[in-house]
């Protein structure tokens, strides 16, 4: 299950944990990238990761590719 909320400067997607040990993941999408956050149940602190738009494009491409090393063609 997931939710989508449109805010003034971002879109927030929350991936709801599908079992009691899986914490929710919140992805906040901005014009220039995304911030991924998840509560670390062991420490009680939120862990965060920020991705640029180029990294998001690479991640999207990687979901459909086999194992290997790739470089995106930035010319086309």
N, C-alpha and C. Protein backbone atom coordinates (compact mmCIF):
# COMPACT_ATOMS: atom_id res chain seq x y z
N UNK A 1 0.84 -1.17 0.00
CA UNK A 1 0.00 0.00 0.00
C UNK A 1 0.89 1.23 0.00
N UNK A 2 0.41 2.30 -0.64
CA UNK A 2 1.14 3.56 -0.62
C UNK A 2 0.18 4.72 -0.69
N UNK A 3 0.70 5.89 -0.30
CA UNK A 3 -0.09 7.12 -0.40
C UNK A 3 0.69 8.13 -1.21
N UNK A 4 -0.03 9.07 -1.84
CA UNK A 4 0.57 10.16 -2.58
C UNK A 4 -0.08 11.46 -2.11
N UNK A 5 0.75 12.42 -1.75
CA UNK A 5 0.25 13.73 -1.33
C UNK A 5 0.99 14.80 -2.12
N UNK A 6 0.26 15.75 -2.68
CA UNK A 6 0.87 16.86 -3.40
C UNK A 6 0.89 18.07 -2.47
N UNK A 7 2.10 18.54 -2.19
CA UNK A 7 2.28 19.71 -1.34
C UNK A 7 2.71 20.88 -2.22
N UNK A 8 2.90 22.04 -1.62
CA UNK A 8 3.25 23.25 -2.36
C UNK A 8 4.50 23.08 -3.22
N UNK A 9 5.57 22.55 -2.63
CA UNK A 9 6.85 22.47 -3.33
C UNK A 9 7.35 21.05 -3.57
N UNK A 10 6.51 20.04 -3.30
CA UNK A 10 6.97 18.66 -3.43
C UNK A 10 5.78 17.71 -3.52
N UNK A 11 6.08 16.51 -3.99
CA UNK A 11 5.14 15.40 -3.94
C UNK A 11 5.70 14.39 -2.95
N UNK A 12 4.87 13.92 -2.05
CA UNK A 12 5.31 12.98 -1.02
C UNK A 12 4.63 11.63 -1.24
N UNK A 13 5.45 10.60 -1.43
CA UNK A 13 4.96 9.24 -1.59
C UNK A 13 5.38 8.46 -0.34
N UNK A 14 4.43 7.81 0.30
CA UNK A 14 4.74 6.99 1.46
C UNK A 14 4.44 5.54 1.12
N UNK A 15 5.47 4.69 1.22
CA UNK A 15 5.32 3.26 1.02
C UNK A 15 5.09 2.64 2.40
N UNK A 16 3.91 2.15 2.62
CA UNK A 16 3.53 1.63 3.93
C UNK A 16 4.12 0.25 4.13
N UNK A 17 4.76 0.03 5.28
CA UNK A 17 5.35 -1.27 5.59
C UNK A 17 4.31 -2.37 5.50
N UNK A 18 4.67 -3.47 4.85
CA UNK A 18 3.70 -4.54 4.61
C UNK A 18 3.71 -5.63 5.67
N UNK A 19 4.53 -5.46 6.71
CA UNK A 19 4.49 -6.40 7.83
C UNK A 19 4.93 -5.64 9.09
N UNK A 20 4.74 -6.22 10.27
CA UNK A 20 5.01 -5.49 11.51
C UNK A 20 6.46 -5.04 11.67
N UNK A 21 7.41 -5.68 11.00
CA UNK A 21 8.82 -5.29 11.16
C UNK A 21 9.30 -4.33 10.08
N UNK A 22 8.45 -4.04 9.09
CA UNK A 22 8.84 -3.14 8.00
C UNK A 22 8.35 -1.72 8.29
N UNK A 23 9.28 -0.80 8.45
CA UNK A 23 8.91 0.59 8.69
C UNK A 23 8.49 1.25 7.37
N UNK A 24 7.61 2.24 7.46
CA UNK A 24 7.20 2.99 6.28
C UNK A 24 8.41 3.71 5.67
N UNK A 25 8.38 3.90 4.36
CA UNK A 25 9.40 4.66 3.64
C UNK A 25 8.71 5.88 3.04
N UNK A 26 9.28 7.06 3.29
CA UNK A 26 8.73 8.29 2.74
C UNK A 26 9.70 8.84 1.70
N UNK A 27 9.17 9.13 0.50
CA UNK A 27 9.96 9.69 -0.58
C UNK A 27 9.38 11.06 -0.91
N UNK A 28 10.17 12.09 -0.72
CA UNK A 28 9.74 13.45 -1.02
C UNK A 28 10.42 13.88 -2.31
N UNK A 29 9.61 14.13 -3.34
CA UNK A 29 10.13 14.47 -4.67
C UNK A 29 10.08 15.97 -4.89
N UNK A 30 11.24 16.55 -5.20
CA UNK A 30 11.37 17.97 -5.50
C UNK A 30 11.74 18.13 -6.98
N UNK A 31 11.81 19.35 -7.47
CA UNK A 31 12.20 19.60 -8.85
C UNK A 31 13.63 19.12 -9.14
N UNK A 32 14.51 19.18 -8.15
CA UNK A 32 15.92 18.86 -8.37
C UNK A 32 16.38 17.54 -7.76
N UNK A 33 15.45 16.71 -7.30
CA UNK A 33 15.84 15.42 -6.74
C UNK A 33 14.80 14.86 -5.80
N UNK A 34 15.24 13.94 -4.95
CA UNK A 34 14.32 13.27 -4.02
C UNK A 34 15.02 12.97 -2.71
N UNK A 35 14.26 12.96 -1.65
CA UNK A 35 14.76 12.59 -0.33
C UNK A 35 13.99 11.35 0.11
N UNK A 36 14.73 10.30 0.49
CA UNK A 36 14.14 9.04 0.94
C UNK A 36 14.41 8.93 2.44
N UNK A 37 13.36 8.68 3.22
CA UNK A 37 13.51 8.59 4.67
C UNK A 37 12.82 7.34 5.21
N UNK A 38 13.43 6.77 6.25
CA UNK A 38 12.83 5.63 6.94
C UNK A 38 13.30 5.64 8.39
N UNK A 39 12.37 5.35 9.29
CA UNK A 39 12.70 5.27 10.70
C UNK A 39 13.54 4.02 10.96
N UNK A 40 14.63 4.20 11.68
CA UNK A 40 15.44 3.06 12.12
C UNK A 40 14.91 2.67 13.49
N UNK A 41 14.19 1.56 13.55
CA UNK A 41 13.54 1.14 14.79
C UNK A 41 14.54 0.86 15.90
N UNK A 42 15.76 0.48 15.53
CA UNK A 42 16.77 0.17 16.56
C UNK A 42 17.23 1.43 17.29
N UNK A 43 17.38 2.53 16.56
CA UNK A 43 17.88 3.77 17.17
C UNK A 43 16.79 4.79 17.44
N UNK A 44 15.64 4.62 16.81
CA UNK A 44 14.57 5.60 16.95
C UNK A 44 14.80 6.86 16.13
N UNK A 45 15.81 6.84 15.26
CA UNK A 45 16.14 8.00 14.43
C UNK A 45 15.74 7.74 12.98
N UNK A 46 15.42 8.82 12.28
CA UNK A 46 15.10 8.72 10.86
C UNK A 46 16.39 8.73 10.06
N UNK A 47 16.54 7.76 9.18
CA UNK A 47 17.67 7.70 8.26
C UNK A 47 17.24 8.35 6.95
N UNK A 48 18.10 9.16 6.35
CA UNK A 48 17.73 9.88 5.14
C UNK A 48 18.78 9.72 4.06
N UNK A 49 18.32 9.78 2.83
CA UNK A 49 19.18 9.68 1.65
C UNK A 49 18.64 10.67 0.63
N UNK A 50 19.51 11.48 0.02
CA UNK A 50 19.10 12.43 -1.00
C UNK A 50 19.68 12.02 -2.34
N UNK A 51 18.83 11.94 -3.36
CA UNK A 51 19.23 11.57 -4.72
C UNK A 51 19.00 12.75 -5.66
N UNK A 52 19.94 12.98 -6.59
CA UNK A 52 19.74 14.01 -7.60
C UNK A 52 18.80 13.47 -8.68
N UNK A 53 18.34 14.34 -9.56
CA UNK A 53 17.47 13.88 -10.64
C UNK A 53 18.22 12.91 -11.55
N UNK A 54 19.53 13.12 -11.77
CA UNK A 54 20.31 12.19 -12.60
C UNK A 54 20.38 10.81 -11.94
N UNK A 55 20.55 10.77 -10.63
CA UNK A 55 20.58 9.49 -9.92
C UNK A 55 19.21 8.81 -9.98
N UNK A 56 18.14 9.58 -9.92
CA UNK A 56 16.80 9.01 -10.05
C UNK A 56 16.59 8.41 -11.44
N UNK A 57 17.07 9.10 -12.48
CA UNK A 57 16.96 8.56 -13.84
C UNK A 57 17.75 7.26 -13.96
N UNK A 58 18.95 7.23 -13.37
CA UNK A 58 19.76 6.00 -13.40
C UNK A 58 19.05 4.86 -12.67
N UNK A 59 18.46 5.16 -11.53
CA UNK A 59 17.74 4.13 -10.78
C UNK A 59 16.57 3.61 -11.60
N UNK A 60 15.83 4.49 -12.22
CA UNK A 60 14.70 4.08 -13.06
C UNK A 60 15.18 3.17 -14.19
N UNK A 61 16.27 3.54 -14.85
CA UNK A 61 16.81 2.72 -15.94
C UNK A 61 17.30 1.37 -15.41
N UNK A 62 17.91 1.37 -14.23
CA UNK A 62 18.49 0.14 -13.67
C UNK A 62 17.44 -0.91 -13.36
N UNK A 63 16.22 -0.49 -13.10
CA UNK A 63 15.17 -1.45 -12.75
C UNK A 63 14.85 -2.40 -13.90
N UNK A 64 15.17 -2.01 -15.15
CA UNK A 64 14.84 -2.83 -16.32
C UNK A 64 16.07 -3.43 -17.02
N UNK A 65 17.23 -3.38 -16.38
CA UNK A 65 18.45 -3.86 -17.02
C UNK A 65 19.02 -5.08 -16.29
N UNK A 66 19.75 -5.91 -17.01
CA UNK A 66 20.40 -7.05 -16.36
C UNK A 66 21.65 -6.60 -15.60
N UNK A 67 22.23 -7.51 -14.86
CA UNK A 67 23.45 -7.25 -14.10
C UNK A 67 24.53 -6.70 -15.01
N UNK A 68 25.29 -5.71 -14.54
CA UNK A 68 26.38 -5.16 -15.34
C UNK A 68 26.70 -3.73 -14.91
N UNK A 69 27.58 -3.09 -15.65
CA UNK A 69 27.98 -1.71 -15.40
C UNK A 69 27.54 -0.86 -16.59
N UNK A 70 26.94 0.28 -16.32
CA UNK A 70 26.36 1.09 -17.39
C UNK A 70 26.69 2.55 -17.20
N UNK A 71 26.70 3.30 -18.30
CA UNK A 71 26.81 4.76 -18.28
C UNK A 71 25.72 5.30 -19.19
N UNK A 72 25.02 6.32 -18.70
CA UNK A 72 23.95 6.91 -19.50
C UNK A 72 24.53 7.80 -20.58
N UNK A 73 23.92 7.79 -21.75
CA UNK A 73 24.31 8.68 -22.86
C UNK A 73 23.68 10.04 -22.61
N UNK A 74 24.48 11.02 -22.25
CA UNK A 74 23.96 12.35 -21.94
C UNK A 74 23.87 13.26 -23.17
N UNK A 75 24.28 12.76 -24.33
CA UNK A 75 24.26 13.55 -25.55
C UNK A 75 22.88 13.56 -26.20
N UNK A 76 22.14 12.49 -26.03
CA UNK A 76 20.88 12.37 -26.74
C UNK A 76 19.75 12.46 -25.84
